[in-house]
Amino acid sequence: MDVLTSTNDPPAISIDAAAFEQQLTPLHFVALNRALSRSLEASRISRSDVSALVYPNTTLLDRQSACRALNFDTSLLVGPGPSMLGHAFANDLLINAQCLLESRLTESRRVSAWLAAGSGFTWGAAIVETS
């Protein structure tokens, strides 16, 4: 079965969750890792310098999986996560960034990695340094 199928009669869309997890999720993390690696290289910063991770509030499992796939400890995740606010799409980064700014994490030199993906078609990464 395909990952995503749609029919006209009756109108329906179905998603094979297992196929999605097995076929598409690994590609998501590969693309996100490439975007992050390019941003780190352009910033001349190593992964070990990253002290905070701003990532969408999709699901707790996704956030943890992203950390594992990108070689970060889950303790670097900032923001309330999906259990507190749910997934607010593009606003997740703004909400989590505000949490980062309000925390004491910005008192000394901090490097945060901001990661985003848009509907499975775009991936982005930015390195933000505060001093």
N, C-alpha and C. Protein backbone atom coordinates (compact mmCIF):
# COMPACT_ATOMS: atom_id res chain seq x y z
N MET A 1 0.83 -1.18 0.00
CA MET A 1 0.00 0.00 0.00
C MET A 1 0.88 1.25 0.00
N ASP A 2 0.42 2.28 -0.66
CA ASP A 2 1.13 3.55 -0.66
C ASP A 2 1.03 4.20 0.71
N VAL A 3 1.91 5.12 0.96
CA VAL A 3 1.87 5.84 2.23
C VAL A 3 0.61 6.68 2.32
N LEU A 4 0.28 7.36 1.24
CA LEU A 4 -0.88 8.25 1.20
C LEU A 4 -1.71 7.89 -0.02
N THR A 5 -2.98 7.65 0.19
CA THR A 5 -3.87 7.36 -0.94
C THR A 5 -5.11 8.23 -0.83
N SER A 6 -5.64 8.56 -1.98
CA SER A 6 -6.90 9.32 -1.99
C SER A 6 -7.83 8.70 -3.02
N THR A 7 -9.11 8.77 -2.73
CA THR A 7 -10.13 8.26 -3.64
C THR A 7 -11.19 9.32 -3.87
N ASN A 8 -11.85 9.23 -5.00
CA ASN A 8 -12.90 10.19 -5.33
C ASN A 8 -14.29 9.68 -4.97
N ASP A 9 -14.48 8.36 -5.02
CA ASP A 9 -15.82 7.82 -4.79
C ASP A 9 -15.74 6.66 -3.83
N PRO A 10 -15.96 6.84 -2.57
CA PRO A 10 -16.28 8.09 -1.90
C PRO A 10 -15.01 8.91 -1.66
N PRO A 11 -15.17 10.23 -1.50
CA PRO A 11 -13.99 11.07 -1.24
C PRO A 11 -13.33 10.68 0.08
N ALA A 12 -12.07 10.32 0.02
CA ALA A 12 -11.36 9.91 1.23
C ALA A 12 -9.86 10.02 1.02
N ILE A 13 -9.19 10.25 2.11
CA ILE A 13 -7.73 10.24 2.14
C ILE A 13 -7.33 9.30 3.27
N SER A 14 -6.41 8.41 2.98
CA SER A 14 -5.93 7.50 4.03
C SER A 14 -4.41 7.52 4.07
N ILE A 15 -3.90 7.35 5.27
CA ILE A 15 -2.45 7.35 5.50
C ILE A 15 -2.09 6.04 6.18
N ASP A 16 -1.12 5.35 5.62
CA ASP A 16 -0.59 4.15 6.24
C ASP A 16 0.49 4.60 7.22
N ALA A 17 0.14 4.64 8.50
CA ALA A 17 1.05 5.18 9.51
C ALA A 17 2.36 4.39 9.60
N ALA A 18 2.29 3.09 9.48
CA ALA A 18 3.51 2.28 9.56
C ALA A 18 4.43 2.57 8.37
N ALA A 19 3.85 2.67 7.17
CA ALA A 19 4.65 2.99 5.99
C ALA A 19 5.24 4.39 6.11
N PHE A 20 4.46 5.32 6.65
CA PHE A 20 4.94 6.69 6.86
C PHE A 20 6.17 6.67 7.76
N GLU A 21 6.05 5.95 8.87
CA GLU A 21 7.13 5.87 9.86
C GLU A 21 8.37 5.20 9.28
N GLN A 22 8.17 4.16 8.48
CA GLN A 22 9.29 3.40 7.95
C GLN A 22 9.92 4.03 6.71
N GLN A 23 9.12 4.69 5.87
CA GLN A 23 9.62 5.19 4.59
C GLN A 23 9.92 6.69 4.58
N LEU A 24 9.09 7.48 5.25
CA LEU A 24 9.25 8.94 5.15
C LEU A 24 9.99 9.56 6.33
N THR A 25 9.76 9.08 7.53
CA THR A 25 10.40 9.70 8.70
C THR A 25 11.92 9.66 8.60
N PRO A 26 12.54 8.56 8.19
CA PRO A 26 14.00 8.59 8.06
C PRO A 26 14.48 9.64 7.05
N LEU A 27 13.75 9.84 5.97
CA LEU A 27 14.12 10.86 4.99
C LEU A 27 14.01 12.26 5.58
N HIS A 28 12.99 12.46 6.42
CA HIS A 28 12.82 13.74 7.11
C HIS A 28 14.07 14.07 7.93
N PHE A 29 14.55 13.10 8.69
CA PHE A 29 15.70 13.35 9.54
C PHE A 29 16.99 13.51 8.73
N VAL A 30 17.11 12.83 7.61
CA VAL A 30 18.27 13.02 6.73
C VAL A 30 18.29 14.45 6.21
N ALA A 31 17.14 14.93 5.72
CA ALA A 31 17.06 16.29 5.19
C ALA A 31 17.30 17.32 6.28
N LEU A 32 16.74 17.10 7.46
CA LEU A 32 16.93 18.02 8.58
C LEU A 32 18.40 18.04 9.02
N ASN A 33 19.03 16.88 9.04
CA ASN A 33 20.44 16.79 9.41
C ASN A 33 21.31 17.54 8.40
N ARG A 34 20.99 17.45 7.11
CA ARG A 34 21.75 18.17 6.09
C ARG A 34 21.61 19.68 6.29
N ALA A 35 20.40 20.14 6.54
CA ALA A 35 20.18 21.58 6.75
C ALA A 35 20.94 22.05 7.99
N LEU A 36 20.88 21.27 9.06
CA LEU A 36 21.60 21.63 10.29
C LEU A 36 23.11 21.65 10.05
N SER A 37 23.63 20.63 9.39
CA SER A 37 25.07 20.56 9.13
C SER A 37 25.55 21.76 8.33
N ARG A 38 24.78 22.17 7.34
CA ARG A 38 25.16 23.34 6.54
C ARG A 38 25.15 24.61 7.39
N SER A 39 24.16 24.75 8.24
CA SER A 39 24.09 25.95 9.10
C SER A 39 25.24 25.97 10.10
N LEU A 40 25.54 24.83 10.69
CA LEU A 40 26.67 24.77 11.63
C LEU A 40 27.98 25.10 10.92
N GLU A 41 28.16 24.54 9.75
CA GLU A 41 29.40 24.80 8.99
C GLU A 41 29.51 26.28 8.63
N ALA A 42 28.44 26.87 8.16
CA ALA A 42 28.46 28.28 7.78
C ALA A 42 28.73 29.17 8.99
N SER A 43 28.28 28.73 10.16
CA SER A 43 28.47 29.51 11.40
C SER A 43 29.80 29.20 12.08
N ARG A 44 30.50 28.21 11.56
CA ARG A 44 31.76 27.75 12.16
C ARG A 44 31.56 27.33 13.62
N ILE A 45 30.48 26.59 13.82
CA ILE A 45 30.12 26.11 15.16
C ILE A 45 29.95 24.60 15.08
N SER A 46 30.36 23.90 16.12
CA SER A 46 30.21 22.44 16.15
C SER A 46 28.93 22.06 16.90
N ARG A 47 28.49 20.86 16.68
CA ARG A 47 27.29 20.37 17.38
C ARG A 47 27.48 20.43 18.89
N SER A 48 28.67 20.18 19.36
CA SER A 48 28.90 20.18 20.81
C SER A 48 28.76 21.58 21.40
N ASP A 49 28.80 22.63 20.59
CA ASP A 49 28.61 23.99 21.07
C ASP A 49 27.14 24.34 21.25
N VAL A 50 26.25 23.55 20.66
CA VAL A 50 24.81 23.84 20.74
C VAL A 50 24.32 23.53 22.14
N SER A 51 23.71 24.53 22.77
CA SER A 51 23.25 24.37 24.15
C SER A 51 21.73 24.41 24.26
N ALA A 52 21.03 24.64 23.16
CA ALA A 52 19.56 24.64 23.19
C ALA A 52 19.06 24.27 21.79
N LEU A 53 17.96 23.57 21.76
CA LEU A 53 17.37 23.13 20.50
C LEU A 53 15.92 23.61 20.43
N VAL A 54 15.64 24.44 19.43
CA VAL A 54 14.29 24.96 19.20
C VAL A 54 13.70 24.13 18.06
N TYR A 55 12.71 23.32 18.39
CA TYR A 55 12.14 22.35 17.45
C TYR A 55 10.61 22.38 17.60
N PRO A 56 9.88 22.06 16.54
CA PRO A 56 8.42 22.11 16.61
C PRO A 56 7.82 21.20 17.68
N ASN A 57 6.61 21.53 18.10
CA ASN A 57 5.86 20.76 19.09
C ASN A 57 4.97 19.72 18.41
N THR A 58 5.53 18.92 17.56
CA THR A 58 4.73 17.92 16.86
C THR A 58 4.23 16.88 17.86
N THR A 59 5.03 15.92 18.18
CA THR A 59 4.71 14.95 19.23
C THR A 59 5.95 14.79 20.10
N LEU A 60 5.75 14.29 21.30
CA LEU A 60 6.89 14.05 22.19
C LEU A 60 7.84 13.04 21.56
N LEU A 61 7.29 11.99 20.97
CA LEU A 61 8.13 10.99 20.32
C LEU A 61 8.93 11.59 19.17
N ASP A 62 8.31 12.45 18.38
CA ASP A 62 9.03 13.09 17.27
C ASP A 62 10.16 13.97 17.79
N ARG A 63 9.89 14.72 18.84
CA ARG A 63 10.94 15.59 19.41
C ARG A 63 12.11 14.76 19.93
N GLN A 64 11.81 13.66 20.60
CA GLN A 64 12.86 12.78 21.11
C GLN A 64 13.61 12.11 19.95
N SER A 65 12.87 11.68 18.94
CA SER A 65 13.49 11.05 17.77
C SER A 65 14.40 12.03 17.04
N ALA A 66 13.99 13.28 16.94
CA ALA A 66 14.82 14.30 16.29
C ALA A 66 16.13 14.46 17.04
N CYS A 67 16.07 14.49 18.34
CA CYS A 67 17.30 14.61 19.13
C CYS A 67 18.22 13.43 18.88
N ARG A 68 17.68 12.23 18.90
CA ARG A 68 18.51 11.04 18.65
C ARG A 68 19.09 11.07 17.24
N ALA A 69 18.26 11.40 16.26
CA ALA A 69 18.72 11.40 14.86
C ALA A 69 19.78 12.46 14.61
N LEU A 70 19.73 13.56 15.35
CA LEU A 70 20.66 14.66 15.14
C LEU A 70 21.80 14.69 16.16
N ASN A 71 21.87 13.66 16.98
CA ASN A 71 22.93 13.53 18.00
C ASN A 71 22.89 14.64 19.04
N PHE A 72 21.71 14.93 19.55
CA PHE A 72 21.54 15.89 20.64
C PHE A 72 20.87 15.19 21.80
N ASP A 73 21.17 15.64 23.00
CA ASP A 73 20.48 15.14 24.18
C ASP A 73 19.11 15.80 24.26
N THR A 74 18.11 15.07 24.69
CA THR A 74 16.75 15.63 24.78
C THR A 74 16.66 16.78 25.78
N SER A 75 17.62 16.88 26.69
CA SER A 75 17.60 17.98 27.65
C SER A 75 17.82 19.34 26.98
N LEU A 76 18.29 19.34 25.73
CA LEU A 76 18.51 20.60 25.01
C LEU A 76 17.22 21.19 24.44
N LEU A 77 16.15 20.40 24.37
CA LEU A 77 14.88 20.90 23.84
C LEU A 77 14.32 22.00 24.73
N VAL A 78 13.88 23.08 24.12
CA VAL A 78 13.26 24.16 24.88
C VAL A 78 11.79 24.26 24.49
N GLY A 79 11.04 24.88 25.37
CA GLY A 79 9.63 25.09 25.09
C GLY A 79 8.75 24.09 25.84
N PRO A 80 7.46 24.39 25.82
CA PRO A 80 6.52 23.56 26.58
C PRO A 80 6.25 22.20 25.96
N GLY A 81 6.58 22.03 24.69
CA GLY A 81 6.32 20.76 24.04
C GLY A 81 4.84 20.56 23.76
N PRO A 82 4.51 19.47 23.10
CA PRO A 82 3.13 19.24 22.68
C PRO A 82 2.16 18.96 23.82
N SER A 83 2.64 18.45 24.94
CA SER A 83 1.73 18.12 26.04
C SER A 83 1.12 19.36 26.68
N MET A 84 1.81 20.48 26.60
CA MET A 84 1.31 21.72 27.21
C MET A 84 0.48 22.56 26.25
N LEU A 85 0.94 22.71 25.03
CA LEU A 85 0.27 23.61 24.09
C LEU A 85 -0.22 22.94 22.82
N GLY A 86 0.22 21.73 22.59
CA GLY A 86 -0.13 21.09 21.33
C GLY A 86 0.76 21.60 20.21
N HIS A 87 0.41 21.22 19.01
CA HIS A 87 1.19 21.59 17.82
C HIS A 87 0.54 22.81 17.18
N ALA A 88 1.25 23.92 17.16
CA ALA A 88 0.72 25.17 16.61
C ALA A 88 1.38 25.50 15.27
N PHE A 89 1.85 24.47 14.57
CA PHE A 89 2.45 24.59 13.24
C PHE A 89 3.61 25.59 13.26
N ALA A 90 3.63 26.58 12.37
CA ALA A 90 4.76 27.49 12.27
C ALA A 90 4.96 28.29 13.56
N ASN A 91 3.94 28.43 14.36
CA ASN A 91 4.06 29.18 15.61
C ASN A 91 4.86 28.44 16.66
N ASP A 92 5.04 27.14 16.49
CA ASP A 92 5.82 26.37 17.47
C ASP A 92 7.19 27.00 17.71
N LEU A 93 7.86 27.38 16.64
CA LEU A 93 9.21 27.94 16.80
C LEU A 93 9.17 29.26 17.55
N LEU A 94 8.17 30.07 17.29
CA LEU A 94 8.05 31.35 18.00
C LEU A 94 7.76 31.13 19.48
N ILE A 95 6.87 30.20 19.76
CA ILE A 95 6.54 29.89 21.16
C ILE A 95 7.77 29.37 21.88
N ASN A 96 8.47 28.43 21.26
CA ASN A 96 9.64 27.84 21.91
C ASN A 96 10.80 28.83 21.99
N ALA A 97 10.93 29.69 20.99
CA ALA A 97 11.96 30.73 21.04
C ALA A 97 11.69 31.70 22.19
N GLN A 98 10.43 32.05 22.39
CA GLN A 98 10.08 32.94 23.51
C GLN A 98 10.44 32.28 24.83
N CYS A 99 10.19 30.99 24.95
CA CYS A 99 10.57 30.26 26.15
C CYS A 99 12.09 30.30 26.35
N LEU A 100 12.83 30.18 25.27
CA LEU A 100 14.29 30.26 25.34
C LEU A 100 14.73 31.64 25.82
N LEU A 101 14.14 32.67 25.26
CA LEU A 101 14.52 34.04 25.64
C LEU A 101 14.16 34.35 27.08
N GLU A 102 13.05 33.80 27.56
CA GLU A 102 12.62 34.06 28.93
C GLU A 102 13.40 33.26 29.96
N SER A 103 14.05 32.22 29.52
CA SER A 103 14.78 31.37 30.45
C SER A 103 16.15 31.97 30.75
N ARG A 104 16.78 31.39 31.72
CA ARG A 104 18.13 31.84 32.07
C ARG A 104 19.17 31.27 31.11
N LEU A 105 18.70 30.55 30.09
CA LEU A 105 19.63 29.96 29.13
C LEU A 105 20.39 31.02 28.35
N THR A 106 19.89 32.23 28.32
CA THR A 106 20.53 33.27 27.52
C THR A 106 21.46 34.16 28.34
N GLU A 107 21.66 33.84 29.63
CA GLU A 107 22.50 34.70 30.46
C GLU A 107 23.96 34.70 30.04
N SER A 108 24.47 33.60 29.59
CA SER A 108 25.85 33.55 29.09
C SER A 108 25.81 33.21 27.61
N ARG A 109 26.97 33.13 27.02
CA ARG A 109 27.02 32.80 25.59
C ARG A 109 26.31 31.47 25.36
N ARG A 110 25.30 31.53 24.53
CA ARG A 110 24.53 30.33 24.23
C ARG A 110 24.40 30.20 22.72
N VAL A 111 24.43 28.99 22.27
CA VAL A 111 24.21 28.70 20.86
C VAL A 111 22.97 27.82 20.77
N SER A 112 21.99 28.27 20.04
CA SER A 112 20.79 27.46 19.86
C SER A 112 20.64 27.10 18.39
N ALA A 113 20.15 25.90 18.16
CA ALA A 113 19.85 25.45 16.80
C ALA A 113 18.34 25.48 16.65
N TRP A 114 17.88 26.18 15.65
CA TRP A 114 16.45 26.29 15.35
C TRP A 114 16.18 25.42 14.13
N LEU A 115 15.28 24.47 14.26
CA LEU A 115 15.01 23.52 13.19
C LEU A 115 13.54 23.54 12.84
N ALA A 116 13.24 23.44 11.55
CA ALA A 116 11.85 23.45 11.11
C ALA A 116 11.68 22.61 9.87
N ALA A 117 10.48 22.10 9.71
CA ALA A 117 10.11 21.37 8.50
C ALA A 117 8.70 21.80 8.14
N GLY A 118 8.47 22.00 6.86
CA GLY A 118 7.15 22.46 6.42
C GLY A 118 6.45 21.44 5.56
N SER A 119 5.48 20.77 6.12
CA SER A 119 4.62 19.83 5.40
C SER A 119 5.39 18.77 4.64
N GLY A 120 6.57 18.45 5.09
CA GLY A 120 7.35 17.41 4.43
C GLY A 120 7.99 17.82 3.12
N PHE A 121 7.95 19.12 2.80
CA PHE A 121 8.52 19.58 1.54
C PHE A 121 9.71 20.50 1.73
N THR A 122 9.84 21.12 2.88
CA THR A 122 10.94 22.05 3.12
C THR A 122 11.54 21.78 4.50
N TRP A 123 12.82 22.01 4.60
CA TRP A 123 13.52 21.87 5.87
C TRP A 123 14.41 23.08 6.04
N GLY A 124 14.54 23.53 7.28
CA GLY A 124 15.39 24.68 7.51
C GLY A 124 16.09 24.56 8.86
N ALA A 125 17.23 25.22 8.95
CA ALA A 125 17.98 25.26 10.19
C ALA A 125 18.67 26.60 10.30
N ALA A 126 18.69 27.13 11.49
CA ALA A 126 19.39 28.37 11.75
C ALA A 126 20.15 28.23 13.07
N ILE A 127 21.30 28.82 13.12
CA ILE A 127 22.09 28.84 14.34
C ILE A 127 22.00 30.25 14.91
N VAL A 128 21.56 30.35 16.16
CA VAL A 128 21.40 31.64 16.81
C VAL A 128 22.32 31.68 18.01
N GLU A 129 23.18 32.69 18.06
CA GLU A 129 24.13 32.82 19.15
C GLU A 129 23.81 34.07 19.95
N THR A 130 23.71 33.91 21.25
CA THR A 130 23.51 35.06 22.14
C THR A 130 24.73 35.19 23.04
N SER A 131 25.02 36.40 23.41
CA SER A 131 26.15 36.62 24.30
C SER A 131 25.80 37.65 25.33
